[in-house]
Amino acid sequence: MLRNQPIFWTTALMVAGLLTACGGGGEQAAPAYPQEIVEEGKTLFLQTCFACHGQDGKGLPNLGKDLTTSEFVQVSTDDELLAYVQDGREADDPANTTGVAMPPKGGFDFLTDDDILRIIAFIRSIQR
């Protein structure tokens, strides 16, 4: 775990803001994350998200979407992705393209917001 979490998140948000402000063309530039955060996110992903999204993040048939090529992930901010994972999505939600519910926090109530942000950092690292 990070010893100076407030410093990290402040720095990460500043970098993300600069990248967004300097970006163009409508696509969001993915913020750069320290490798330690990405690795922690990978560990958490492999403990939780893999059941539907696969160990490689490419999704499993009739379960989770491919996160490596997800336009939703690409165009969403970290805060938007955090809110999405916190809330989940019902199977009958018009925005649900799989017909499979994603429970809040993927069904893992023990995940903290920082855990989810680490998972997001990992997911961003596997985007193509």
C-alpha atoms as a PDB file:
ATOM      1  CA  MET A   1       0.000   0.000   0.000  1.00  0.00           C
ATOM      2  CA  LEU A   2       1.099   3.561  -0.535  1.00  0.00           C
ATOM      3  CA  ARG A   3       2.587   5.352   2.419  1.00  0.00           C
ATOM      4  CA  ASN A   4       1.760   8.832   1.103  1.00  0.00           C
ATOM      5  CA  GLN A   5      -1.624   8.223  -0.479  1.00  0.00           C
ATOM      6  CA  PRO A   6      -2.817  11.854  -0.332  1.00  0.00           C
ATOM      7  CA  ILE A   7       0.355  13.003  -2.094  1.00  0.00           C
ATOM      8  CA  PHE A   8      -0.027  10.302  -4.757  1.00  0.00           C
ATOM      9  CA  TRP A   9      -3.685  11.039  -5.480  1.00  0.00           C
ATOM     10  CA  THR A  10      -3.072  14.793  -5.569  1.00  0.00           C
ATOM     11  CA  THR A  11      -0.218  14.281  -8.016  1.00  0.00           C
ATOM     12  CA  ALA A  12      -2.202  11.785 -10.087  1.00  0.00           C
ATOM     13  CA  LEU A  13      -5.165  14.146 -10.313  1.00  0.00           C
ATOM     14  CA  MET A  14      -2.907  17.028 -11.333  1.00  0.00           C
ATOM     15  CA  VAL A  15      -1.288  14.908 -14.055  1.00  0.00           C
ATOM     16  CA  ALA A  16      -4.699  13.689 -15.250  1.00  0.00           C
ATOM     17  CA  GLY A  17      -5.965  17.269 -15.343  1.00  0.00           C
ATOM     18  CA  LEU A  18      -2.971  18.423 -17.355  1.00  0.00           C
ATOM     19  CA  LEU A  19      -3.346  15.547 -19.790  1.00  0.00           C
ATOM     20  CA  THR A  20      -7.032  16.283 -20.205  1.00  0.00           C
ATOM     21  CA  ALA A  21      -6.451  20.007 -20.632  1.00  0.00           C
ATOM     22  CA  CYS A  22      -3.706  19.425 -23.204  1.00  0.00           C
ATOM     23  CA  GLY A  23      -5.582  16.696 -25.033  1.00  0.00           C
ATOM     24  CA  GLY A  24      -7.611  17.181 -28.137  1.00  0.00           C
ATOM     25  CA  GLY A  25      -9.680  15.233 -30.561  1.00  0.00           C
ATOM     26  CA  GLY A  26     -12.243  14.107 -27.978  1.00  0.00           C
ATOM     27  CA  GLU A  27     -10.433  10.994 -26.743  1.00  0.00           C
ATOM     28  CA  GLN A  28      -9.332  11.125 -23.160  1.00  0.00           C
ATOM     29  CA  ALA A  29      -5.635  10.637 -22.559  1.00  0.00           C
ATOM     30  CA  ALA A  30      -5.076   7.910 -19.999  1.00  0.00           C
ATOM     31  CA  PRO A  31      -3.220   9.189 -16.967  1.00  0.00           C
ATOM     32  CA  ALA A  32       0.125   7.625 -16.181  1.00  0.00           C
ATOM     33  CA  TYR A  33       0.186   5.589 -12.975  1.00  0.00           C
ATOM     34  CA  PRO A  34       3.140   4.441 -10.903  1.00  0.00           C
ATOM     35  CA  GLN A  35       3.936   0.793 -11.617  1.00  0.00           C
ATOM     36  CA  GLU A  36       3.295  -0.055  -7.951  1.00  0.00           C
ATOM     37  CA  ILE A  37      -0.325   1.118  -8.297  1.00  0.00           C
ATOM     38  CA  VAL A  38      -0.800  -0.844 -11.535  1.00  0.00           C
ATOM     39  CA  GLU A  39       0.585  -4.006  -9.915  1.00  0.00           C
ATOM     40  CA  GLU A  40      -1.656  -3.592  -6.866  1.00  0.00           C
ATOM     41  CA  GLY A  41      -4.582  -3.099  -9.235  1.00  0.00           C
ATOM     42  CA  LYS A  42      -3.660  -6.231 -11.152  1.00  0.00           C
ATOM     43  CA  THR A  43      -3.586  -8.257  -7.935  1.00  0.00           C
ATOM     44  CA  LEU A  44      -7.016  -6.935  -6.956  1.00  0.00           C
ATOM     45  CA  PHE A  45      -8.367  -7.520 -10.479  1.00  0.00           C
ATOM     46  CA  LEU A  46      -7.170 -11.141 -10.383  1.00  0.00           C
ATOM     47  CA  GLN A  47      -8.874 -11.614  -7.012  1.00  0.00           C
ATOM     48  CA  THR A  48     -12.203 -10.138  -8.046  1.00  0.00           C
ATOM     49  CA  CYS A  49     -12.899  -9.030 -11.630  1.00  0.00           C
ATOM     50  CA  PHE A  50     -11.376 -12.016 -13.448  1.00  0.00           C
ATOM     51  CA  ALA A  51     -14.462 -14.175 -12.852  1.00  0.00           C
ATOM     52  CA  CYS A  52     -16.366 -12.217 -15.519  1.00  0.00           C
ATOM     53  CA  HIS A  53     -13.685 -10.244 -17.334  1.00  0.00           C
ATOM     54  CA  GLY A  54     -11.059 -13.000 -17.563  1.00  0.00           C
ATOM     55  CA  GLN A  55      -7.507 -13.001 -16.257  1.00  0.00           C
ATOM     56  CA  ASP A  56      -6.378 -11.017 -19.282  1.00  0.00           C
ATOM     57  CA  GLY A  57      -9.279  -8.542 -19.116  1.00  0.00           C
ATOM     58  CA  LYS A  58     -10.620  -9.687 -22.493  1.00  0.00           C
ATOM     59  CA  GLY A  59     -13.958 -10.761 -21.056  1.00  0.00           C
ATOM     60  CA  LEU A  60     -15.712 -14.095 -20.864  1.00  0.00           C
ATOM     61  CA  PRO A  61     -18.563 -15.095 -23.198  1.00  0.00           C
ATOM     62  CA  ASN A  62     -21.986 -14.160 -21.833  1.00  0.00           C
ATOM     63  CA  LEU A  63     -20.448 -12.561 -18.728  1.00  0.00           C
ATOM     64  CA  GLY A  64     -18.090  -9.578 -18.734  1.00  0.00           C
ATOM     65  CA  LYS A  65     -17.061  -7.211 -21.488  1.00  0.00           C
ATOM     66  CA  ASP A  66     -13.578  -7.021 -22.995  1.00  0.00           C
ATOM     67  CA  LEU A  67     -11.925  -4.260 -20.980  1.00  0.00           C
ATOM     68  CA  THR A  68      -8.839  -4.105 -23.206  1.00  0.00           C
ATOM     69  CA  THR A  69     -10.794  -2.576 -26.090  1.00  0.00           C
ATOM     70  CA  SER A  70     -13.746  -1.062 -24.231  1.00  0.00           C
ATOM     71  CA  GLU A  71     -14.781   2.310 -25.632  1.00  0.00           C
ATOM     72  CA  PHE A  72     -16.672   2.888 -22.363  1.00  0.00           C
ATOM     73  CA  VAL A  73     -13.390   2.610 -20.438  1.00  0.00           C
ATOM     74  CA  GLN A  74     -11.547   4.742 -22.993  1.00  0.00           C
ATOM     75  CA  VAL A  75     -13.956   7.680 -22.876  1.00  0.00           C
ATOM     76  CA  SER A  76     -14.766   7.577 -19.145  1.00  0.00           C
ATOM     77  CA  THR A  77     -12.798   9.432 -16.509  1.00  0.00           C
ATOM     78  CA  ASP A  78     -11.459   7.579 -13.498  1.00  0.00           C
ATOM     79  CA  ASP A  79     -14.186   9.208 -11.384  1.00  0.00           C
ATOM     80  CA  GLU A  80     -16.864   8.024 -13.821  1.00  0.00           C
ATOM     81  CA  LEU A  81     -15.479   4.490 -13.798  1.00  0.00           C
ATOM     82  CA  LEU A  82     -15.276   4.558 -10.004  1.00  0.00           C
ATOM     83  CA  ALA A  83     -18.934   5.601  -9.788  1.00  0.00           C
ATOM     84  CA  TYR A  84     -19.909   2.901 -12.301  1.00  0.00           C
ATOM     85  CA  VAL A  85     -18.149   0.142 -10.344  1.00  0.00           C
ATOM     86  CA  GLN A  86     -19.562   1.432  -7.048  1.00  0.00           C
ATOM     87  CA  ASP A  87     -23.122   1.339  -8.414  1.00  0.00           C
ATOM     88  CA  GLY A  88     -22.959  -1.595 -10.831  1.00  0.00           C
ATOM     89  CA  ARG A  89     -25.521  -2.047 -13.588  1.00  0.00           C
ATOM     90  CA  GLU A  90     -28.726  -4.068 -13.645  1.00  0.00           C
ATOM     91  CA  ALA A  91     -29.284  -6.606 -16.425  1.00  0.00           C
ATOM     92  CA  ASP A  92     -32.334  -4.687 -17.659  1.00  0.00           C
ATOM     93  CA  ASP A  93     -30.547  -1.329 -17.792  1.00  0.00           C
ATOM     94  CA  PRO A  94     -30.830  -0.004 -21.377  1.00  0.00           C
ATOM     95  CA  ALA A  95     -27.070   0.670 -21.358  1.00  0.00           C
ATOM     96  CA  ASN A  96     -26.322  -2.971 -20.486  1.00  0.00           C
ATOM     97  CA  THR A  97     -25.151  -4.707 -23.664  1.00  0.00           C
ATOM     98  CA  THR A  98     -24.507  -8.132 -22.120  1.00  0.00           C
ATOM     99  CA  GLY A  99     -27.838  -8.783 -20.427  1.00  0.00           C
ATOM    100  CA  VAL A 100     -25.862  -9.806 -17.339  1.00  0.00           C
ATOM    101  CA  ALA A 101     -26.005  -7.696 -14.185  1.00  0.00           C
ATOM    102  CA  MET A 102     -22.837  -6.248 -12.721  1.00  0.00           C
ATOM    103  CA  PRO A 103     -23.451  -5.986  -8.998  1.00  0.00           C
ATOM    104  CA  PRO A 104     -22.170  -2.967  -7.092  1.00  0.00           C
ATOM    105  CA  LYS A 105     -18.416  -3.302  -6.607  1.00  0.00           C
ATOM    106  CA  GLY A 106     -18.608  -6.439  -8.725  1.00  0.00           C
ATOM    107  CA  GLY A 107     -20.184  -8.171  -5.736  1.00  0.00           C
ATOM    108  CA  PHE A 108     -17.150  -7.571  -3.533  1.00  0.00           C
ATOM    109  CA  ASP A 109     -18.305  -5.230  -0.767  1.00  0.00           C
ATOM    110  CA  PHE A 110     -14.839  -5.183   0.806  1.00  0.00           C
ATOM    111  CA  LEU A 111     -13.396  -3.168  -2.113  1.00  0.00           C
ATOM    112  CA  THR A 112     -12.577   0.377  -1.065  1.00  0.00           C
ATOM    113  CA  ASP A 113     -12.592   3.345  -3.419  1.00  0.00           C
ATOM    114  CA  ASP A 114      -8.778   3.227  -3.414  1.00  0.00           C
ATOM    115  CA  ASP A 115      -8.905  -0.484  -4.336  1.00  0.00           C
ATOM    116  CA  ILE A 116     -11.238   0.298  -7.236  1.00  0.00           C
ATOM    117  CA  LEU A 117      -8.997   3.156  -8.404  1.00  0.00           C
ATOM    118  CA  ARG A 118      -6.047   0.757  -8.396  1.00  0.00           C
ATOM    119  CA  ILE A 119      -8.080  -1.695 -10.495  1.00  0.00           C
ATOM    120  CA  ILE A 120      -8.901   1.149 -12.882  1.00  0.00           C
ATOM    121  CA  ALA A 121      -5.177   1.938 -13.162  1.00  0.00           C
ATOM    122  CA  PHE A 122      -4.532  -1.706 -14.097  1.00  0.00           C
ATOM    123  CA  ILE A 123      -7.382  -1.747 -16.618  1.00  0.00           C
ATOM    124  CA  ARG A 124      -5.991   1.394 -18.231  1.00  0.00           C
ATOM    125  CA  SER A 125      -2.590  -0.311 -18.474  1.00  0.00           C
ATOM    126  CA  ILE A 126      -4.068  -3.167 -20.549  1.00  0.00           C
ATOM    127  CA  GLN A 127      -6.047  -0.947 -22.925  1.00  0.00           C
ATOM    128  CA  ARG A 128      -5.161  -1.367 -26.604  1.00  0.00           C
END
